[in-house]
Amino acid sequence: MTTVSSRIPDLAVLADASRELEHAPASRAVAWANERFGDSMVLAASFQDCVLIDLAVQVVPDLEVVFLDTGYHFAETLWYVDQVRRRYDLNLNVVTPAAEVTLDDRWQYDTDGCCAARKVEPLERALRGKQAWLSGLRRSETAARANAPIVSWDIRNGLVKVNPLATWTDLDVQGYVRDRDLPVHPLAERGYVSIGCWPCTVPIDAGADPRDGRWAGSDKTECGLHG
């Protein structure tokens, strides 16, 4: 049986690739990953927007896209997922939490545990047997993401992680959405800048830190998917 440790690639090679892709178009990072991993690669999307999906399917039209249906998404998010799915005829894999957590109310007293059960564990299942995954993570989103590489080894999940949009700013995203005439999440114009599950997401005032709308009133800024 192959262990995770025996499958770890040469980390220097990954670091070199990350440096080479630092100033390349984001589509090149997708192409780099596809050339190496092909069908063993997936894209995990939160569907806050569809920028990475639009970019990636231009390179790999049948790319598997994973959506983590936590059971607590806004109705508008589910409508948006369906809109994007139909627009791109997505190869969409909807992953849900384990049956035993489907009806719990852990979000009221243990947000970390809720995220672990409804996001982290389902993603681990979705990535099982894969060699790489694409993420829409961007350095400008939080201080914890400020040094995120384009390519790295995901220790927890035991595969290569590629962040094609890591260097993009909010203005880059807005410009791409406009230039490509992409569908926009229905809540975006109602003050919801960072959109997650409804119990833990609130609208914010213009100019506020986008992450102020997530887990408001606590010091939590990450759900655990990115370390």
Protein backbone atom coordinates (compact mmCIF):
# COMPACT_ATOMS: atom_id res chain seq x y z
CA MET A 1 0.00 0.00 0.00
CA THR A 2 1.39 3.40 -0.98
CA THR A 3 1.67 5.81 1.92
CA VAL A 4 1.24 9.57 1.73
CA SER A 5 4.90 10.13 2.59
CA SER A 6 6.10 7.94 -0.28
CA ARG A 7 4.03 9.97 -2.71
CA ILE A 8 5.48 13.34 -1.74
CA PRO A 9 7.05 14.88 -4.85
CA ASP A 10 10.34 16.75 -4.92
CA LEU A 11 9.44 19.90 -2.97
CA ALA A 12 12.21 21.83 -4.71
CA VAL A 13 10.52 21.11 -8.04
CA LEU A 14 7.23 22.45 -6.69
CA ALA A 15 8.98 25.56 -5.36
CA ASP A 16 10.65 26.15 -8.73
CA ALA A 17 7.32 25.79 -10.50
CA SER A 18 5.70 28.22 -8.08
CA ARG A 19 8.40 30.82 -8.74
CA GLU A 20 8.11 30.36 -12.51
CA LEU A 21 4.35 30.81 -12.38
CA GLU A 22 4.48 33.83 -10.07
CA HIS A 23 4.25 36.31 -12.93
CA ALA A 24 2.59 34.09 -15.52
CA PRO A 25 -1.11 34.29 -16.43
CA ALA A 26 -3.32 32.33 -14.04
CA SER A 27 -4.36 30.09 -16.91
CA ARG A 28 -0.76 28.91 -17.15
CA ALA A 29 -0.91 27.57 -13.59
CA VAL A 30 -4.03 25.60 -14.54
CA ALA A 31 -2.30 24.28 -17.65
CA TRP A 32 0.81 23.36 -15.63
CA ALA A 33 -1.30 21.32 -13.22
CA ASN A 34 -3.30 19.68 -16.00
CA GLU A 35 -0.16 18.66 -17.89
CA ARG A 36 1.12 16.86 -14.80
CA PHE A 37 -2.00 15.51 -13.14
CA GLY A 38 -4.76 15.33 -15.76
CA ASP A 39 -7.84 13.50 -14.45
CA SER A 40 -6.24 13.23 -11.00
CA MET A 41 -6.83 16.96 -10.45
CA VAL A 42 -9.99 18.69 -9.18
CA LEU A 43 -11.06 22.27 -8.57
CA ALA A 44 -12.69 23.07 -5.22
CA ALA A 45 -15.05 26.03 -5.51
CA SER A 46 -16.98 27.94 -2.85
CA PHE A 47 -19.10 29.66 -5.53
CA GLN A 48 -18.69 33.07 -3.97
CA ASP A 49 -17.87 33.93 -7.57
CA CYS A 50 -17.00 31.88 -10.64
CA VAL A 51 -13.73 33.50 -11.70
CA LEU A 52 -11.51 30.45 -11.24
CA ILE A 53 -14.12 28.18 -12.80
CA ASP A 54 -14.39 30.41 -15.88
CA LEU A 55 -10.62 30.55 -16.22
CA ALA A 56 -10.01 26.85 -15.56
CA VAL A 57 -12.64 25.37 -17.89
CA GLN A 58 -11.19 27.36 -20.78
CA VAL A 59 -8.06 25.23 -20.26
CA VAL A 60 -9.71 21.96 -19.11
CA PRO A 61 -13.39 21.91 -20.22
CA ASP A 62 -14.26 18.66 -18.40
CA LEU A 63 -12.41 19.51 -15.18
CA GLU A 64 -14.12 18.08 -12.08
CA VAL A 65 -15.43 20.89 -9.89
CA VAL A 66 -16.12 20.12 -6.23
CA PHE A 67 -18.75 22.04 -4.27
CA LEU A 68 -19.05 21.44 -0.53
CA ASP A 69 -22.76 21.63 0.26
CA THR A 70 -22.56 22.22 4.01
CA GLY A 71 -26.32 22.16 4.48
CA TYR A 72 -26.17 25.77 5.67
CA HIS A 73 -25.67 27.66 2.42
CA PHE A 74 -27.88 30.60 1.55
CA ALA A 75 -30.61 29.74 -0.95
CA GLU A 76 -28.99 32.36 -3.19
CA THR A 77 -25.72 30.41 -3.16
CA LEU A 78 -27.49 27.23 -4.28
CA TRP A 79 -29.26 29.17 -7.04
CA TYR A 80 -25.90 30.58 -8.12
CA VAL A 81 -24.29 27.12 -8.15
CA ASP A 82 -27.03 25.92 -10.49
CA GLN A 83 -26.69 29.00 -12.71
CA VAL A 84 -22.93 28.49 -13.06
CA ARG A 85 -23.33 24.73 -13.55
CA ARG A 86 -25.70 25.30 -16.46
CA ARG A 87 -23.62 28.07 -18.02
CA TYR A 88 -20.50 25.89 -18.24
CA ASP A 89 -22.12 22.44 -18.33
CA LEU A 90 -19.90 21.72 -15.34
CA ASN A 91 -18.61 18.34 -14.34
CA LEU A 92 -19.88 19.13 -10.84
CA ASN A 93 -19.36 16.93 -7.80
CA VAL A 94 -21.52 18.06 -4.85
CA VAL A 95 -20.15 16.70 -1.58
CA THR A 96 -22.21 16.73 1.62
CA PRO A 97 -21.34 16.18 5.30
CA ALA A 98 -21.51 12.75 6.88
CA ALA A 99 -25.06 11.71 7.80
CA GLU A 100 -24.50 12.00 11.55
CA VAL A 101 -23.81 15.77 11.38
CA THR A 102 -26.52 16.70 8.89
CA LEU A 103 -28.99 17.94 11.48
CA ASP A 104 -26.73 19.10 14.31
CA ASP A 105 -26.58 22.72 15.50
CA ARG A 106 -22.87 22.86 16.28
CA TRP A 107 -22.52 26.27 14.63
CA GLN A 108 -24.19 27.79 17.71
CA TYR A 109 -21.45 26.76 20.14
CA ASP A 110 -18.47 25.29 18.21
CA THR A 111 -17.78 27.02 14.90
CA ASP A 112 -14.42 25.30 14.46
CA GLY A 113 -16.01 21.90 14.93
CA CYS A 114 -18.84 22.81 12.59
CA CYS A 115 -16.40 23.82 9.84
CA ALA A 116 -14.40 20.66 10.42
CA ALA A 117 -17.46 18.44 10.02
CA ARG A 118 -19.16 20.32 7.18
CA LYS A 119 -16.18 21.52 5.15
CA VAL A 120 -12.83 19.99 6.08
CA GLU A 121 -13.90 16.33 6.30
CA PRO A 122 -16.03 16.46 3.11
CA LEU A 123 -13.13 18.05 1.21
CA GLU A 124 -10.81 15.31 2.45
CA ARG A 125 -13.23 12.75 1.00
CA ALA A 126 -13.48 14.63 -2.30
CA LEU A 127 -9.68 14.74 -2.62
CA ARG A 128 -9.12 11.09 -1.75
CA GLY A 129 -7.25 9.35 -4.55
CA LYS A 130 -6.41 12.64 -6.31
CA GLN A 131 -2.94 14.03 -6.93
CA ALA A 132 -3.69 17.77 -7.05
CA TRP A 133 -6.38 20.33 -6.38
CA LEU A 134 -6.99 23.87 -7.56
CA SER A 135 -8.10 26.53 -5.08
CA GLY A 136 -9.31 30.09 -5.54
CA LEU A 137 -7.30 31.30 -2.53
CA ARG A 138 -5.84 34.80 -2.92
CA ARG A 139 -3.12 36.50 -0.86
CA SER A 140 -5.11 39.72 -0.52
CA GLU A 141 -7.98 38.00 1.28
CA THR A 142 -6.49 37.63 4.78
CA ALA A 143 -3.19 38.10 6.57
CA ALA A 144 -2.94 34.32 6.97
CA ARG A 145 -2.95 33.94 3.18
CA ALA A 146 -0.46 36.74 2.44
CA ASN A 147 2.40 34.37 1.59
CA ALA A 148 0.41 31.67 -0.18
CA PRO A 149 2.47 30.14 -3.04
CA ILE A 150 1.10 29.35 -6.47
CA VAL A 151 2.15 25.70 -6.07
CA SER A 152 2.80 23.82 -2.84
CA TRP A 153 2.49 20.47 -1.10
CA ASP A 154 -0.72 20.16 0.92
CA ILE A 155 0.55 18.19 3.91
CA ARG A 156 -2.82 17.46 5.49
CA ASN A 157 -4.44 16.12 2.34
CA GLY A 158 -1.30 14.57 0.88
CA LEU A 159 -1.40 16.12 -2.60
CA VAL A 160 -0.27 19.15 -4.61
CA LYS A 161 -2.23 22.36 -4.13
CA VAL A 162 -2.34 25.00 -6.86
CA ASN A 163 -3.61 28.55 -6.27
CA PRO A 164 -3.79 30.10 -9.77
CA LEU A 165 -5.29 33.36 -8.44
CA ALA A 166 -2.91 33.78 -5.50
CA THR A 167 -1.46 37.07 -6.79
CA TRP A 168 -4.80 38.60 -7.82
CA THR A 169 -6.21 41.66 -6.05
CA ASP A 170 -9.87 42.52 -5.58
CA LEU A 171 -9.54 44.88 -8.54
CA ASP A 172 -8.16 42.06 -10.69
CA VAL A 173 -11.19 39.95 -9.82
CA GLN A 174 -13.62 42.78 -10.48
CA GLY A 175 -12.00 43.53 -13.83
CA TYR A 176 -12.10 39.89 -14.90
CA VAL A 177 -15.77 39.58 -13.94
CA ARG A 178 -16.56 42.69 -15.97
CA ASP A 179 -14.46 41.76 -18.99
CA ARG A 180 -15.86 38.23 -19.14
CA ASP A 181 -19.41 39.29 -18.25
CA LEU A 182 -19.56 36.64 -15.55
CA PRO A 183 -22.66 35.92 -13.48
CA VAL A 184 -22.43 37.50 -10.02
CA HIS A 185 -23.59 35.96 -6.74
CA PRO A 186 -27.06 37.38 -5.91
CA LEU A 187 -25.92 38.51 -2.44
CA ALA A 188 -22.91 40.50 -3.69
CA GLU A 189 -24.94 43.67 -4.21
CA ARG A 190 -26.51 43.37 -0.76
CA GLY A 191 -23.31 43.92 1.21
CA TYR A 192 -22.18 40.29 1.36
CA VAL A 193 -18.55 40.42 0.27
CA SER A 194 -17.22 37.17 1.75
CA ILE A 195 -19.97 34.58 1.50
CA GLY A 196 -20.09 31.37 3.50
CA CYS A 197 -22.81 29.61 5.50
CA TRP A 198 -25.81 31.70 6.55
CA PRO A 199 -25.35 31.31 10.35
CA CYS A 200 -21.83 32.75 10.15
CA THR A 201 -22.09 35.35 7.36
CA VAL A 202 -23.38 38.92 7.60
CA PRO A 203 -23.33 41.93 5.24
CA ILE A 204 -20.73 44.62 5.88
CA ASP A 205 -20.44 48.34 5.28
CA ALA A 206 -18.60 49.65 2.24
CA GLY A 207 -14.87 49.87 2.89
CA ALA A 208 -14.85 47.36 5.75
CA ASP A 209 -12.54 44.34 5.74
CA PRO A 210 -14.35 41.66 3.68
CA ARG A 211 -13.65 39.05 6.35
CA ASP A 212 -15.54 41.14 8.93
CA GLY A 213 -18.63 39.53 7.48
CA ARG A 214 -17.52 36.05 8.50
CA TRP A 215 -17.82 34.77 12.08
CA ALA A 216 -18.57 38.33 13.22
CA GLY A 217 -17.79 38.98 16.87
CA SER A 218 -15.05 36.33 17.05
CA ASP A 219 -11.38 36.19 16.10
CA LYS A 220 -12.01 33.31 13.68
CA THR A 221 -11.03 34.15 10.09
CA GLU A 222 -10.56 30.73 8.45
CA CYS A 223 -12.75 27.66 8.11
CA GLY A 224 -9.80 25.25 8.05
CA LEU A 225 -9.78 24.29 4.40
CA HIS A 226 -6.53 26.14 3.81
CA GLY A 227 -4.60 25.07 6.87
